[in-house]
């Protein structure tokens, strides 16, 4: 029973990591783009 619980925890952590990593990457990318656009607009203006 303990081994099954550990496997479930590892599987849940891996699944969450696989789902969260792309979201974090896309979020950081969009944040950088927004910052670049806002700063670029300020510089050009």
PDB file of N, CA and C in Angstrom:
ATOM      1  N   UNK A   1       0.849  -1.201   0.000  1.00  0.00           N
ATOM      2  CA  UNK A   1       0.000   0.000   0.000  1.00  0.00           C
ATOM      3  C   UNK A   1       0.885   1.253   0.000  1.00  0.00           C
ATOM      4  N   UNK A   2       1.960   1.204   0.795  1.00  0.00           N
ATOM      5  CA  UNK A   2       2.839   2.373   0.850  1.00  0.00           C
ATOM      6  C   UNK A   2       3.489   2.622  -0.508  1.00  0.00           C
ATOM      7  N   UNK A   3       3.923   1.531  -1.156  1.00  0.00           N
ATOM      8  CA  UNK A   3       4.578   1.693  -2.455  1.00  0.00           C
ATOM      9  C   UNK A   3       3.619   2.305  -3.473  1.00  0.00           C
ATOM     10  N   UNK A   4       2.369   1.867  -3.430  1.00  0.00           N
ATOM     11  CA  UNK A   4       1.380   2.409  -4.367  1.00  0.00           C
ATOM     12  C   UNK A   4       1.186   3.903  -4.103  1.00  0.00           C
ATOM     13  N   UNK A   5       1.136   4.284  -2.835  1.00  0.00           N
ATOM     14  CA  UNK A   5       0.971   5.698  -2.505  1.00  0.00           C
ATOM     15  C   UNK A   5       2.139   6.520  -3.011  1.00  0.00           C
ATOM     16  N   UNK A   6       3.342   5.990  -2.845  1.00  0.00           N
ATOM     17  CA  UNK A   6       4.528   6.714  -3.317  1.00  0.00           C
ATOM     18  C   UNK A   6       4.485   6.850  -4.834  1.00  0.00           C
ATOM     19  N   UNK A   7       4.112   5.771  -5.520  1.00  0.00           N
ATOM     20  CA  UNK A   7       4.037   5.825  -6.983  1.00  0.00           C
ATOM     21  C   UNK A   7       2.995   6.844  -7.415  1.00  0.00           C
ATOM     22  N   UNK A   8       1.863   6.887  -6.731  1.00  0.00           N
ATOM     23  CA  UNK A   8       0.826   7.850  -7.081  1.00  0.00           C
ATOM     24  C   UNK A   8       1.330   9.273  -6.875  1.00  0.00           C
ATOM     25  N   UNK A   9       2.064   9.503  -5.793  1.00  0.00           N
ATOM     26  CA  UNK A   9       2.598  10.841  -5.533  1.00  0.00           C
ATOM     27  C   UNK A   9       3.599  11.225  -6.620  1.00  0.00           C
ATOM     28  N   UNK A  10       4.482  10.289  -6.978  1.00  0.00           N
ATOM     29  CA  UNK A  10       5.469  10.577  -8.018  1.00  0.00           C
ATOM     30  C   UNK A  10       4.772  10.853  -9.344  1.00  0.00           C
ATOM     31  N   UNK A  11       3.749  10.057  -9.670  1.00  0.00           N
ATOM     32  CA  UNK A  11       3.024  10.241 -10.922  1.00  0.00           C
ATOM     33  C   UNK A  11       2.317  11.597 -10.923  1.00  0.00           C
ATOM     34  N   UNK A  12       1.703  11.953  -9.805  1.00  0.00           N
ATOM     35  CA  UNK A  12       1.017  13.240  -9.719  1.00  0.00           C
ATOM     36  C   UNK A  12       1.993  14.389  -9.872  1.00  0.00           C
ATOM     37  N   UNK A  13       3.155  14.274  -9.236  1.00  0.00           N
ATOM     38  CA  UNK A  13       4.149  15.342  -9.330  1.00  0.00           C
ATOM     39  C   UNK A  13       4.661  15.458 -10.763  1.00  0.00           C
ATOM     40  N   UNK A  14       4.908  14.317 -11.402  1.00  0.00           N
ATOM     41  CA  UNK A  14       5.404  14.342 -12.787  1.00  0.00           C
ATOM     42  C   UNK A  14       4.345  14.918 -13.715  1.00  0.00           C
ATOM     43  N   UNK A  15       3.097  14.514 -13.516  1.00  0.00           N
ATOM     44  CA  UNK A  15       2.015  15.013 -14.361  1.00  0.00           C
ATOM     45  C   UNK A  15       1.856  16.515 -14.182  1.00  0.00           C
ATOM     46  N   UNK A  16       1.891  16.974 -12.931  1.00  0.00           N
ATOM     47  CA  UNK A  16       1.760  18.403 -12.669  1.00  0.00           C
ATOM     48  C   UNK A  16       2.930  19.162 -13.290  1.00  0.00           C
ATOM     49  N   UNK A  17       4.131  18.578 -13.201  1.00  0.00           N
ATOM     50  CA  UNK A  17       5.316  19.236 -13.769  1.00  0.00           C
ATOM     51  C   UNK A  17       5.176  19.342 -15.281  1.00  0.00           C
ATOM     52  N   UNK A  18       4.722  18.258 -15.917  1.00  0.00           N
ATOM     53  CA  UNK A  18       4.571  18.272 -17.381  1.00  0.00           C
ATOM     54  C   UNK A  18       3.521  19.286 -17.803  1.00  0.00           C
ATOM     55  N   UNK A  19       2.460  19.427 -17.017  1.00  0.00           N
ATOM     56  CA  UNK A  19       1.401  20.378 -17.379  1.00  0.00           C
ATOM     57  C   UNK A  19       1.825  21.805 -17.065  1.00  0.00           C
ATOM     58  N   UNK A  20       2.545  21.990 -15.963  1.00  0.00           N
ATOM     59  CA  UNK A  20       2.864  23.344 -15.507  1.00  0.00           C
ATOM     60  C   UNK A  20       4.019  23.955 -16.278  1.00  0.00           C
ATOM     61  N   UNK A  21       5.001  23.140 -16.670  1.00  0.00           N
ATOM     62  CA  UNK A  21       6.184  23.684 -17.347  1.00  0.00           C
ATOM     63  C   UNK A  21       5.828  24.430 -18.626  1.00  0.00           C
ATOM     64  N   UNK A  22       5.054  23.855 -19.543  1.00  0.00           N
ATOM     65  CA  UNK A  22       4.697  24.606 -20.755  1.00  0.00           C
ATOM     66  C   UNK A  22       3.932  25.881 -20.428  1.00  0.00           C
ATOM     67  N   UNK A  23       3.060  25.821 -19.416  1.00  0.00           N
ATOM     68  CA  UNK A  23       2.312  27.019 -19.037  1.00  0.00           C
ATOM     69  C   UNK A  23       3.261  28.089 -18.533  1.00  0.00           C
ATOM     70  N   UNK A  24       4.218  27.710 -17.688  1.00  0.00           N
ATOM     71  CA  UNK A  24       5.170  28.680 -17.155  1.00  0.00           C
ATOM     72  C   UNK A  24       6.015  29.258 -18.277  1.00  0.00           C
ATOM     73  N   UNK A  25       6.442  28.408 -19.213  1.00  0.00           N
ATOM     74  CA  UNK A  25       7.271  28.894 -20.313  1.00  0.00           C
ATOM     75  C   UNK A  25       6.485  29.868 -21.179  1.00  0.00           C
ATOM     76  N   UNK A  26       5.250  29.521 -21.530  1.00  0.00           N
ATOM     77  CA  UNK A  26       4.454  30.404 -22.374  1.00  0.00           C
ATOM     78  C   UNK A  26       4.149  31.700 -21.626  1.00  0.00           C
ATOM     79  N   UNK A  27       3.905  31.611 -20.301  1.00  0.00           N
ATOM     80  CA  UNK A  27       3.606  32.807 -19.521  1.00  0.00           C
ATOM     81  C   UNK A  27       4.811  33.737 -19.476  1.00  0.00           C
ATOM     82  N   UNK A  28       6.001  33.176 -19.239  1.00  0.00           N
ATOM     83  CA  UNK A  28       7.206  34.007 -19.175  1.00  0.00           C
ATOM     84  C   UNK A  28       7.475  34.619 -20.543  1.00  0.00           C
ATOM     85  N   UNK A  29       7.217  33.873 -21.609  1.00  0.00           N
ATOM     86  CA  UNK A  29       7.450  34.392 -22.962  1.00  0.00           C
ATOM     87  C   UNK A  29       6.516  35.561 -23.229  1.00  0.00           C
ATOM     88  N   UNK A  30       5.239  35.415 -22.917  1.00  0.00           N
ATOM     89  CA  UNK A  30       4.294  36.495 -23.170  1.00  0.00           C
ATOM     90  C   UNK A  30       4.633  37.690 -22.285  1.00  0.00           C
ATOM     91  N   UNK A  31       5.080  37.447 -21.058  1.00  0.00           N
ATOM     92  CA  UNK A  31       5.452  38.555 -20.172  1.00  0.00           C
ATOM     93  C   UNK A  31       6.617  39.330 -20.770  1.00  0.00           C
ATOM     94  N   UNK A  32       7.619  38.610 -21.293  1.00  0.00           N
ATOM     95  CA  UNK A  32       8.772  39.285 -21.898  1.00  0.00           C
ATOM     96  C   UNK A  32       8.331  40.081 -23.118  1.00  0.00           C
ATOM     97  N   UNK A  33       7.440  39.509 -23.931  1.00  0.00           N
ATOM     98  CA  UNK A  33       6.968  40.207 -25.125  1.00  0.00           C
ATOM     99  C   UNK A  33       6.219  41.471 -24.731  1.00  0.00           C
ATOM    100  N   UNK A  34       5.372  41.373 -23.700  1.00  0.00           N
ATOM    101  CA  UNK A  34       4.614  42.550 -23.254  1.00  0.00           C
ATOM    102  C   UNK A  34       5.574  43.620 -22.751  1.00  0.00           C
ATOM    103  N   UNK A  35       6.586  43.216 -21.970  1.00  0.00           N
ATOM    104  CA  UNK A  35       7.556  44.191 -21.469  1.00  0.00           C
ATOM    105  C   UNK A  35       8.305  44.834 -22.624  1.00  0.00           C
ATOM    106  N   UNK A  36       8.743  44.016 -23.586  1.00  0.00           N
ATOM    107  CA  UNK A  36       9.481  44.557 -24.728  1.00  0.00           C
ATOM    108  C   UNK A  36       8.605  45.532 -25.504  1.00  0.00           C
ATOM    109  N   UNK A  37       7.353  45.166 -25.725  1.00  0.00           N
ATOM    110  CA  UNK A  37       6.452  46.039 -26.486  1.00  0.00           C
ATOM    111  C   UNK A  37       6.213  47.337 -25.730  1.00  0.00           C
ATOM    112  N   UNK A  38       5.972  47.237 -24.418  1.00  0.00           N
ATOM    113  CA  UNK A  38       5.690  48.451 -23.648  1.00  0.00           C
ATOM    114  C   UNK A  38       6.925  49.345 -23.603  1.00  0.00           C
ATOM    115  N   UNK A  39       8.099  48.749 -23.355  1.00  0.00           N
ATOM    116  CA  UNK A  39       9.327  49.547 -23.320  1.00  0.00           C
ATOM    117  C   UNK A  39       9.633  50.099 -24.704  1.00  0.00           C
ATOM    118  N   UNK A  40       9.449  49.271 -25.729  1.00  0.00           N
ATOM    119  CA  UNK A  40       9.710  49.713 -27.099  1.00  0.00           C
ATOM    120  C   UNK A  40       8.799  50.881 -27.456  1.00  0.00           C
ATOM    121  N   UNK A  41       7.537  50.790 -27.046  1.00  0.00           N
ATOM    122  CA  UNK A  41       6.607  51.881 -27.326  1.00  0.00           C
ATOM    123  C   UNK A  41       7.028  53.142 -26.596  1.00  0.00           C
ATOM    124  N   UNK A  42       7.491  52.988 -25.355  1.00  0.00           N
ATOM    125  CA  UNK A  42       7.924  54.156 -24.596  1.00  0.00           C
ATOM    126  C   UNK A  42       9.148  54.789 -25.246  1.00  0.00           C
ATOM    127  N   UNK A  43      10.088  53.954 -25.695  1.00  0.00           N
ATOM    128  CA  UNK A  43      11.308  54.491 -26.308  1.00  0.00           C
ATOM    129  C   UNK A  43      10.978  55.200 -27.620  1.00  0.00           C
ATOM    130  N   UNK A  44      10.153  54.566 -28.477  1.00  0.00           N
ATOM    131  CA  UNK A  44       9.830  55.166 -29.768  1.00  0.00           C
ATOM    132  C   UNK A  44       9.004  56.426 -29.551  1.00  0.00           C
ATOM    133  N   UNK A  45       8.171  56.434 -28.513  1.00  0.00           N
ATOM    134  CA  UNK A  45       7.325  57.601 -28.257  1.00  0.00           C
ATOM    135  C   UNK A  45       8.124  58.632 -27.468  1.00  0.00           C
TER     136      UNK A  45
END
